Amino acid sequence: MVAQVVTVEPVAAPHHLRLVDAPSGSTLAARRAQRARRRSRRQVGGALAVVLVAGAVLGSRSLAWGGATAAGLPTDLATGSQPAAGSVYVVAPGQSLGDVAAALNPVDPAAARRALEAELGSSVVLAGEHIVVP
């Protein structure tokens, strides 16, 4: 059997920190100018992205202000809480046929009133009455 000999050497002392010359003059000014240009490009790019997204959202036909649906109802009213044709509307206490017509078609309540009178066969509605929206 062969014996191995292990030698232990003392660990060197850690190196001390030393001061070095920091870049200055034109090198430092050039780096600062480059950082400022990059920051400016990022800000312009971010602003451009916000403008493009806003234009896409507002420019789409379904979300555009002042747009109209195929039935001629303005998009802001058509996407509101107006009942769709074929749904059931329940008359609230104190509502008249004119109130119901205005709730169903705020753009032209007279046309809605005529359609409701034709469907109901009467110009009187009762609280709690279920009306199928024409």
C-alpha atoms as a PDB file:
ATOM      1  CA  MET A   1       0.000   0.000   0.000  1.00  0.00           C
ATOM      2  CA  VAL A   2       1.270   3.426  -0.949  1.00  0.00           C
ATOM      3  CA  ALA A   3       0.769   6.303   1.419  1.00  0.00           C
ATOM      4  CA  GLN A   4      -0.089   9.688   0.035  1.00  0.00           C
ATOM      5  CA  VAL A   5       1.418  12.785   1.492  1.00  0.00           C
ATOM      6  CA  VAL A   6      -0.791  15.855   1.654  1.00  0.00           C
ATOM      7  CA  THR A   7       0.771  19.245   2.104  1.00  0.00           C
ATOM      8  CA  VAL A   8      -1.131  22.241   3.365  1.00  0.00           C
ATOM      9  CA  GLU A   9      -0.153  25.687   2.191  1.00  0.00           C
ATOM     10  CA  PRO A  10      -1.240  28.842   3.963  1.00  0.00           C
ATOM     11  CA  VAL A  11      -3.988  30.841   2.258  1.00  0.00           C
ATOM     12  CA  ALA A  12      -2.840  34.147   0.831  1.00  0.00           C
ATOM     13  CA  ALA A  13      -4.180  37.299   2.368  1.00  0.00           C
ATOM     14  CA  PRO A  14      -7.062  38.907   0.427  1.00  0.00           C
ATOM     15  CA  HIS A  15      -6.184  41.611  -2.016  1.00  0.00           C
ATOM     16  CA  HIS A  16      -6.945  45.058  -0.859  1.00  0.00           C
ATOM     17  CA  LEU A  17      -9.182  47.346  -2.859  1.00  0.00           C
ATOM     18  CA  ARG A  18      -7.401  49.996  -4.773  1.00  0.00           C
ATOM     19  CA  LEU A  19      -8.636  53.161  -6.355  1.00  0.00           C
ATOM     20  CA  VAL A  20      -8.751  53.397 -10.124  1.00  0.00           C
ATOM     21  CA  ASP A  21      -9.272  56.380 -12.329  1.00  0.00           C
ATOM     22  CA  ALA A  22     -12.919  56.755 -13.345  1.00  0.00           C
ATOM     23  CA  PRO A  23     -13.563  57.641 -16.956  1.00  0.00           C
ATOM     24  CA  SER A  24     -14.184  61.285 -17.427  1.00  0.00           C
ATOM     25  CA  GLY A  25     -14.158  63.922 -20.091  1.00  0.00           C
ATOM     26  CA  SER A  26     -15.437  63.085 -23.548  1.00  0.00           C
ATOM     27  CA  THR A  27     -15.914  59.366 -22.788  1.00  0.00           C
ATOM     28  CA  LEU A  28     -18.262  60.063 -19.893  1.00  0.00           C
ATOM     29  CA  ALA A  29     -20.097  62.779 -21.815  1.00  0.00           C
ATOM     30  CA  ALA A  30     -20.527  60.455 -24.802  1.00  0.00           C
ATOM     31  CA  ARG A  31     -22.011  57.687 -22.644  1.00  0.00           C
ATOM     32  CA  ARG A  32     -24.400  60.105 -20.963  1.00  0.00           C
ATOM     33  CA  ALA A  33     -25.512  61.446 -24.339  1.00  0.00           C
ATOM     34  CA  GLN A  34     -26.037  57.902 -25.625  1.00  0.00           C
ATOM     35  CA  ARG A  35     -28.166  57.038 -22.573  1.00  0.00           C
ATOM     36  CA  ALA A  36     -30.220  60.185 -23.072  1.00  0.00           C
ATOM     37  CA  ARG A  37     -30.837  59.272 -26.742  1.00  0.00           C
ATOM     38  CA  ARG A  38     -31.940  55.759 -25.780  1.00  0.00           C
ATOM     39  CA  ARG A  39     -34.250  57.110 -23.074  1.00  0.00           C
ATOM     40  CA  SER A  40     -35.755  59.563 -25.553  1.00  0.00           C
ATOM     41  CA  ARG A  41     -36.311  56.796 -28.120  1.00  0.00           C
ATOM     42  CA  ARG A  42     -38.050  54.629 -25.510  1.00  0.00           C
ATOM     43  CA  GLN A  43     -40.319  57.495 -24.490  1.00  0.00           C
ATOM     44  CA  VAL A  44     -41.217  58.313 -28.093  1.00  0.00           C
ATOM     45  CA  GLY A  45     -41.784  54.629 -28.831  1.00  0.00           C
ATOM     46  CA  GLY A  46     -44.050  54.246 -25.799  1.00  0.00           C
ATOM     47  CA  ALA A  47     -46.063  57.322 -26.721  1.00  0.00           C
ATOM     48  CA  LEU A  48     -46.402  56.062 -30.293  1.00  0.00           C
ATOM     49  CA  ALA A  49     -47.624  52.682 -29.034  1.00  0.00           C
ATOM     50  CA  VAL A  50     -50.272  54.367 -26.861  1.00  0.00           C
ATOM     51  CA  VAL A  51     -51.470  56.474 -29.792  1.00  0.00           C
ATOM     52  CA  LEU A  52     -51.646  53.445 -32.095  1.00  0.00           C
ATOM     53  CA  VAL A  53     -53.613  51.368 -29.584  1.00  0.00           C
ATOM     54  CA  ALA A  54     -56.021  54.245 -28.910  1.00  0.00           C
ATOM     55  CA  GLY A  55     -56.497  54.755 -32.650  1.00  0.00           C
ATOM     56  CA  ALA A  56     -57.177  51.070 -33.179  1.00  0.00           C
ATOM     57  CA  VAL A  57     -59.744  50.966 -30.382  1.00  0.00           C
ATOM     58  CA  LEU A  58     -61.525  54.156 -31.383  1.00  0.00           C
ATOM     59  CA  GLY A  59     -61.245  53.423 -35.082  1.00  0.00           C
ATOM     60  CA  SER A  60     -62.903  50.043 -34.963  1.00  0.00           C
ATOM     61  CA  ARG A  61     -66.418  50.152 -36.349  1.00  0.00           C
ATOM     62  CA  SER A  62     -68.055  48.464 -33.381  1.00  0.00           C
ATOM     63  CA  LEU A  63     -66.550  50.794 -30.771  1.00  0.00           C
ATOM     64  CA  ALA A  64     -66.493  54.045 -32.736  1.00  0.00           C
ATOM     65  CA  TRP A  65     -68.398  56.989 -31.328  1.00  0.00           C
ATOM     66  CA  GLY A  66     -71.062  58.171 -33.722  1.00  0.00           C
ATOM     67  CA  GLY A  67     -71.232  54.840 -35.548  1.00  0.00           C
ATOM     68  CA  ALA A  68     -74.463  53.076 -36.406  1.00  0.00           C
ATOM     69  CA  THR A  69     -75.622  49.469 -36.475  1.00  0.00           C
ATOM     70  CA  ALA A  70     -77.246  47.849 -39.488  1.00  0.00           C
ATOM     71  CA  ALA A  71     -80.666  48.722 -38.014  1.00  0.00           C
ATOM     72  CA  GLY A  72     -79.696  52.403 -37.824  1.00  0.00           C
ATOM     73  CA  LEU A  73     -79.482  52.531 -34.037  1.00  0.00           C
ATOM     74  CA  PRO A  74     -76.391  54.417 -32.804  1.00  0.00           C
ATOM     75  CA  THR A  75     -73.716  52.046 -31.491  1.00  0.00           C
ATOM     76  CA  ASP A  76     -73.568  53.667 -28.060  1.00  0.00           C
ATOM     77  CA  LEU A  77     -77.302  53.011 -27.616  1.00  0.00           C
ATOM     78  CA  ALA A  78     -77.254  49.591 -29.274  1.00  0.00           C
ATOM     79  CA  THR A  79     -74.534  48.348 -26.935  1.00  0.00           C
ATOM     80  CA  GLY A  80     -76.324  49.757 -23.881  1.00  0.00           C
ATOM     81  CA  SER A  81     -78.966  48.042 -21.792  1.00  0.00           C
ATOM     82  CA  GLN A  82     -81.765  48.179 -24.397  1.00  0.00           C
ATOM     83  CA  PRO A  83     -83.654  44.864 -24.651  1.00  0.00           C
ATOM     84  CA  ALA A  84     -83.106  42.960 -27.901  1.00  0.00           C
ATOM     85  CA  ALA A  85     -85.958  41.968 -30.212  1.00  0.00           C
ATOM     86  CA  GLY A  86     -87.629  38.779 -29.001  1.00  0.00           C
ATOM     87  CA  SER A  87     -86.675  39.290 -25.363  1.00  0.00           C
ATOM     88  CA  VAL A  88     -89.281  39.791 -22.658  1.00  0.00           C
ATOM     89  CA  TYR A  89     -89.761  43.180 -21.007  1.00  0.00           C
ATOM     90  CA  VAL A  90     -91.556  43.334 -17.642  1.00  0.00           C
ATOM     91  CA  VAL A  91     -93.539  46.515 -17.046  1.00  0.00           C
ATOM     92  CA  ALA A  92     -92.544  48.268 -13.832  1.00  0.00           C
ATOM     93  CA  PRO A  93     -95.117  49.857 -11.496  1.00  0.00           C
ATOM     94  CA  GLY A  94     -96.095  53.338 -12.701  1.00  0.00           C
ATOM     95  CA  GLN A  95     -94.881  52.841 -16.283  1.00  0.00           C
ATOM     96  CA  SER A  96     -97.085  53.753 -19.206  1.00  0.00           C
ATOM     97  CA  LEU A  97     -96.883  52.433 -22.764  1.00  0.00           C
ATOM     98  CA  GLY A  98     -94.914  55.574 -23.693  1.00  0.00           C
ATOM     99  CA  ASP A  99     -92.380  54.873 -20.939  1.00  0.00           C
ATOM    100  CA  VAL A 100     -91.966  51.302 -22.129  1.00  0.00           C
ATOM    101  CA  ALA A 101     -91.556  52.499 -25.737  1.00  0.00           C
ATOM    102  CA  ALA A 102     -88.890  55.034 -24.683  1.00  0.00           C
ATOM    103  CA  ALA A 103     -87.030  52.294 -22.797  1.00  0.00           C
ATOM    104  CA  LEU A 104     -87.134  49.979 -25.810  1.00  0.00           C
ATOM    105  CA  ASN A 105     -86.164  52.562 -28.450  1.00  0.00           C
ATOM    106  CA  PRO A 106     -84.820  55.860 -27.068  1.00  0.00           C
ATOM    107  CA  VAL A 107     -84.062  57.116 -30.595  1.00  0.00           C
ATOM    108  CA  ASP A 108     -87.625  56.800 -31.946  1.00  0.00           C
ATOM    109  CA  PRO A 109     -90.077  56.059 -29.130  1.00  0.00           C
ATOM    110  CA  ALA A 110     -93.082  56.873 -31.348  1.00  0.00           C
ATOM    111  CA  ALA A 111     -92.233  53.990 -33.695  1.00  0.00           C
ATOM    112  CA  ALA A 112     -91.737  51.674 -30.727  1.00  0.00           C
ATOM    113  CA  ARG A 113     -95.092  52.767 -29.273  1.00  0.00           C
ATOM    114  CA  ARG A 114     -96.886  51.988 -32.559  1.00  0.00           C
ATOM    115  CA  ALA A 115     -95.230  48.550 -32.722  1.00  0.00           C
ATOM    116  CA  LEU A 116     -96.191  47.806 -29.103  1.00  0.00           C
ATOM    117  CA  GLU A 117     -99.803  48.900 -29.635  1.00  0.00           C
ATOM    118  CA  ALA A 118    -100.015  46.656 -32.693  1.00  0.00           C
ATOM    119  CA  GLU A 119     -98.598  43.691 -30.801  1.00  0.00           C
ATOM    120  CA  LEU A 120    -100.659  44.188 -27.632  1.00  0.00           C
ATOM    121  CA  GLY A 121    -103.850  45.340 -29.307  1.00  0.00           C
ATOM    122  CA  SER A 122    -104.153  48.039 -26.637  1.00  0.00           C
ATOM    123  CA  SER A 123    -102.497  51.223 -25.469  1.00  0.00           C
ATOM    124  CA  VAL A 124    -102.744  50.222 -21.804  1.00  0.00           C
ATOM    125  CA  VAL A 125    -100.132  48.211 -19.922  1.00  0.00           C
ATOM    126  CA  LEU A 126    -100.276  46.858 -16.398  1.00  0.00           C
ATOM    127  CA  ALA A 127     -97.493  46.635 -13.828  1.00  0.00           C
ATOM    128  CA  GLY A 128     -95.872  43.206 -13.975  1.00  0.00           C
ATOM    129  CA  GLU A 129     -97.093  42.530 -17.511  1.00  0.00           C
ATOM    130  CA  HIS A 130     -94.653  40.578 -19.690  1.00  0.00           C
ATOM    131  CA  ILE A 131     -94.221  42.067 -23.171  1.00  0.00           C
ATOM    132  CA  VAL A 132     -92.310  40.365 -25.967  1.00  0.00           C
ATOM    133  CA  VAL A 133     -90.107  43.039 -27.550  1.00  0.00           C
ATOM    134  CA  PRO A 134     -91.036  43.431 -31.244  1.00  0.00           C
END
